[in-house]
Amino acid sequence: MTALSKKEMTHQRILQTAAKIIRRDGFDSLAVADVMKQAGLTHGGFYAHFANRDALLAEALAYAGNESAEVLRQSLAQAISEGSEPLTAFIETYLSEQHLNNCTEGAGCPVAALGSDFFRLDATTKAVAGKLIEAYVEKVQQLSNQKLNRESAFLLTSTLIGSLQLARGLKGTDQASFYLTASREDLVRRYAESQQHQ
């Protein structure tokens, strides 16, 4: 693997910082000066990497999606290696307390953190958001060994994302844990276990 150049490392640091900010605080809270300051860089250096704030938003959202997918992939691989069925492992990983905490701290699924604002984005960033959603639907369908059709995979994906979003709004209360646990158990029963018997 080729080592990153200094410019590439700086670019990645900006993206990492911006991805954390948007997942924690939303798209509107992203200010170029704040991103650069939190990344330990000068404001003037921003334009050596991005044409404007919208370009940063699009790349930061893609970065957040890739980062989240990698964390979920590692957690999923661990669960499967311990004997979990793939779709069950995905549901349990996605609706875990750890993932809920990650979302609140500026990590985790960017779709759950930002999905309600996707329609407000510029066309380029909206296209990135669409790819993230489609990637989740495809992942769910793949983990079901294609037993779920596209529509059912979309419904399960929507339920996972919505459950995490609502639990995030209740974080710090007993209800968040209660609803996450109830949702995990119900979705495993409805989707994962039922698919095993088909």
Protein backbone atom coordinates (compact mmCIF):
# COMPACT_ATOMS: atom_id res chain seq x y z
CA MET A 1 0.00 0.00 0.00
CA THR A 2 1.35 3.40 -1.02
CA ALA A 3 2.05 5.90 1.76
CA LEU A 4 -0.06 9.05 1.65
CA SER A 5 1.58 12.33 0.75
CA LYS A 6 1.49 15.21 3.22
CA LYS A 7 -1.28 16.87 1.18
CA GLU A 8 -3.31 13.64 1.12
CA MET A 9 -2.91 13.20 4.89
CA THR A 10 -4.03 16.80 5.45
CA HIS A 11 -7.02 16.26 3.14
CA GLN A 12 -7.96 13.14 5.09
CA ARG A 13 -7.64 14.97 8.41
CA ILE A 14 -10.01 17.67 7.17
CA LEU A 15 -12.51 15.04 6.01
CA GLN A 16 -12.27 13.12 9.28
CA THR A 17 -12.94 16.30 11.26
CA ALA A 18 -15.82 17.39 9.01
CA ALA A 19 -17.38 13.92 9.07
CA LYS A 20 -17.39 13.95 12.86
CA ILE A 21 -18.92 17.42 13.02
CA ILE A 22 -21.77 16.69 10.61
CA ARG A 23 -22.67 13.38 12.28
CA ARG A 24 -22.62 14.93 15.73
CA ASP A 25 -24.12 18.37 15.02
CA GLY A 26 -25.72 18.26 11.55
CA PHE A 27 -24.92 19.77 8.16
CA ASP A 28 -25.84 23.34 9.12
CA SER A 29 -23.27 23.38 11.91
CA LEU A 30 -20.39 22.80 9.51
CA ALA A 31 -18.35 26.00 9.23
CA VAL A 32 -15.12 25.93 7.26
CA ALA A 33 -13.21 27.96 9.85
CA ASP A 34 -14.27 25.59 12.65
CA VAL A 35 -13.34 22.49 10.65
CA MET A 36 -9.89 23.84 9.91
CA LYS A 37 -9.35 24.95 13.51
CA GLN A 38 -10.44 21.57 14.91
CA ALA A 39 -8.19 19.84 12.37
CA GLY A 40 -5.28 21.97 13.61
CA LEU A 41 -4.92 23.82 10.30
CA THR A 42 -5.19 27.41 9.08
CA HIS A 43 -8.38 28.62 7.45
CA GLY A 44 -6.51 29.73 4.33
CA GLY A 45 -5.33 26.21 3.58
CA PHE A 46 -8.89 25.01 2.99
CA TYR A 47 -8.99 26.09 -0.66
CA ALA A 48 -5.97 23.98 -1.54
CA HIS A 49 -8.24 21.00 -0.86
CA PHE A 50 -11.83 22.00 -1.64
CA ALA A 51 -13.50 24.42 -4.04
CA ASN A 52 -16.11 25.42 -1.47
CA ARG A 53 -18.13 24.27 1.56
CA ASP A 54 -20.51 22.16 -0.59
CA ALA A 55 -17.56 20.21 -2.00
CA LEU A 56 -16.40 19.54 1.56
CA LEU A 57 -19.90 18.40 2.59
CA ALA A 58 -20.11 15.90 -0.27
CA GLU A 59 -16.70 14.41 0.47
CA ALA A 60 -17.24 14.44 4.24
CA LEU A 61 -20.52 12.55 3.86
CA ALA A 62 -18.85 9.95 1.63
CA TYR A 63 -15.99 9.67 4.12
CA ALA A 64 -18.44 9.21 7.00
CA GLY A 65 -20.23 6.49 5.04
CA ASN A 66 -17.01 4.62 4.28
CA GLU A 67 -15.79 4.92 7.86
CA SER A 68 -19.11 3.70 9.27
CA ALA A 69 -19.28 0.82 6.79
CA GLU A 70 -15.79 -0.32 7.81
CA VAL A 71 -16.61 -0.25 11.53
CA LEU A 72 -19.84 -2.19 10.91
CA ARG A 73 -17.96 -4.64 8.66
CA GLN A 74 -15.44 -5.37 11.40
CA SER A 75 -18.14 -5.78 14.06
CA LEU A 76 -20.16 -7.99 11.74
CA ALA A 77 -17.14 -10.17 10.92
CA GLN A 78 -16.47 -10.63 14.63
CA ALA A 79 -20.10 -11.62 15.34
CA ILE A 80 -20.20 -14.06 12.40
CA SER A 81 -16.90 -15.63 13.51
CA GLU A 82 -18.54 -16.23 16.88
CA GLY A 83 -21.39 -18.13 15.22
CA SER A 84 -24.06 -15.50 14.54
CA GLU A 85 -26.14 -15.71 11.40
CA PRO A 86 -25.14 -12.76 9.11
CA LEU A 87 -28.45 -10.86 9.00
CA THR A 88 -29.00 -11.38 12.73
CA ALA A 89 -25.48 -10.10 13.40
CA PHE A 90 -26.10 -7.01 11.27
CA ILE A 91 -29.39 -6.16 12.99
CA GLU A 92 -27.87 -6.66 16.43
CA THR A 93 -24.75 -4.66 15.56
CA TYR A 94 -26.66 -1.79 13.96
CA LEU A 95 -29.12 -1.49 16.84
CA SER A 96 -26.53 -1.91 19.58
CA GLU A 97 -25.93 0.49 22.46
CA GLN A 98 -22.39 0.95 21.14
CA HIS A 99 -23.66 2.11 17.76
CA LEU A 100 -26.14 4.44 19.46
CA ASN A 101 -23.30 5.97 21.48
CA ASN A 102 -21.12 6.25 18.37
CA CYS A 103 -23.85 8.18 16.54
CA THR A 104 -24.20 10.64 19.39
CA GLU A 105 -20.44 11.20 19.58
CA GLY A 106 -19.93 12.00 15.89
CA ALA A 107 -19.28 8.50 14.59
CA GLY A 108 -21.61 5.72 13.46
CA CYS A 109 -24.12 5.68 10.64
CA PRO A 110 -24.33 9.01 8.80
CA VAL A 111 -27.73 8.06 7.34
CA ALA A 112 -29.23 7.73 10.83
CA ALA A 113 -27.50 10.91 11.96
CA LEU A 114 -28.38 13.04 8.93
CA GLY A 115 -31.09 11.31 6.89
CA SER A 116 -33.85 13.79 7.67
CA ASP A 117 -31.75 16.57 6.09
CA PHE A 118 -30.76 14.78 2.87
CA PHE A 119 -33.53 16.40 0.81
CA ARG A 120 -32.09 19.87 1.62
CA LEU A 121 -28.66 19.12 0.16
CA ASP A 122 -27.18 20.32 -3.11
CA ALA A 123 -27.36 17.85 -6.01
CA THR A 124 -23.83 16.49 -5.59
CA THR A 125 -24.16 15.78 -1.88
CA LYS A 126 -27.67 14.42 -2.39
CA ALA A 127 -26.22 11.92 -4.90
CA VAL A 128 -23.68 10.80 -2.26
CA ALA A 129 -26.53 10.38 0.24
CA GLY A 130 -28.45 8.26 -2.28
CA LYS A 131 -25.44 5.99 -2.74
CA LEU A 132 -25.15 5.50 1.02
CA ILE A 133 -28.81 4.52 1.28
CA GLU A 134 -28.55 2.11 -1.66
CA ALA A 135 -25.40 0.58 -0.15
CA TYR A 136 -27.30 -0.21 3.07
CA VAL A 137 -30.19 -1.76 1.14
CA GLU A 138 -27.77 -3.87 -0.92
CA LYS A 139 -25.90 -4.95 2.23
CA VAL A 140 -29.12 -6.09 3.91
CA GLN A 141 -30.18 -7.98 0.78
CA GLN A 142 -26.74 -9.60 0.53
CA LEU A 143 -26.76 -10.63 4.20
CA SER A 144 -30.13 -12.30 3.70
CA ASN A 145 -28.52 -14.42 0.94
CA GLN A 146 -30.85 -12.64 -1.48
CA LYS A 147 -33.89 -14.13 0.30
CA LEU A 148 -35.18 -10.61 0.87
CA ASN A 149 -36.31 -8.85 -2.28
CA ARG A 150 -35.30 -5.22 -2.85
CA GLU A 151 -38.50 -3.82 -1.34
CA SER A 152 -38.22 -5.94 1.82
CA ALA A 153 -34.55 -5.04 2.18
CA PHE A 154 -35.47 -1.35 1.87
CA LEU A 155 -38.18 -1.74 4.53
CA LEU A 156 -35.78 -3.44 6.95
CA THR A 157 -33.11 -0.81 6.27
CA SER A 158 -35.62 1.98 6.88
CA THR A 159 -36.71 0.38 10.14
CA LEU A 160 -33.11 0.00 11.35
CA ILE A 161 -32.24 3.59 10.52
CA GLY A 162 -35.48 4.98 11.95
CA SER A 163 -35.10 2.97 15.15
CA LEU A 164 -31.58 4.29 15.66
CA GLN A 165 -32.66 7.87 14.90
CA LEU A 166 -35.49 7.77 17.42
CA ALA A 167 -33.37 6.04 20.07
CA ARG A 168 -30.77 8.76 19.54
CA GLY A 169 -33.42 11.31 20.43
CA LEU A 170 -34.09 9.38 23.65
CA LYS A 171 -30.43 8.72 24.51
CA GLY A 172 -29.75 9.03 28.20
CA THR A 173 -33.15 7.63 29.14
CA ASP A 174 -34.28 4.09 29.92
CA GLN A 175 -36.58 4.26 26.91
CA ALA A 176 -33.67 4.36 24.45
CA SER A 177 -32.34 1.01 25.65
CA PHE A 178 -35.83 -0.46 25.91
CA TYR A 179 -36.77 0.47 22.35
CA LEU A 180 -33.42 -0.61 20.90
CA THR A 181 -33.69 -4.02 22.57
CA ALA A 182 -37.33 -4.48 21.55
CA SER A 183 -36.56 -3.44 17.96
CA ARG A 184 -33.55 -5.78 17.73
CA GLU A 185 -35.52 -8.75 18.98
CA ASP A 186 -38.54 -8.07 16.78
CA LEU A 187 -36.51 -7.48 13.61
CA VAL A 188 -34.39 -10.59 14.15
CA ARG A 189 -37.57 -12.61 14.61
CA ARG A 190 -39.36 -11.09 11.61
CA TYR A 191 -36.51 -10.98 9.13
CA ALA A 192 -33.51 -13.08 10.10
CA GLU A 193 -35.16 -16.08 11.76
CA SER A 194 -38.04 -16.23 9.29
CA GLN A 195 -35.56 -16.20 6.38
CA GLN A 196 -33.72 -19.20 7.80
CA HIS A 197 -36.87 -21.31 7.54
CA GLN A 198 -37.64 -20.47 3.92
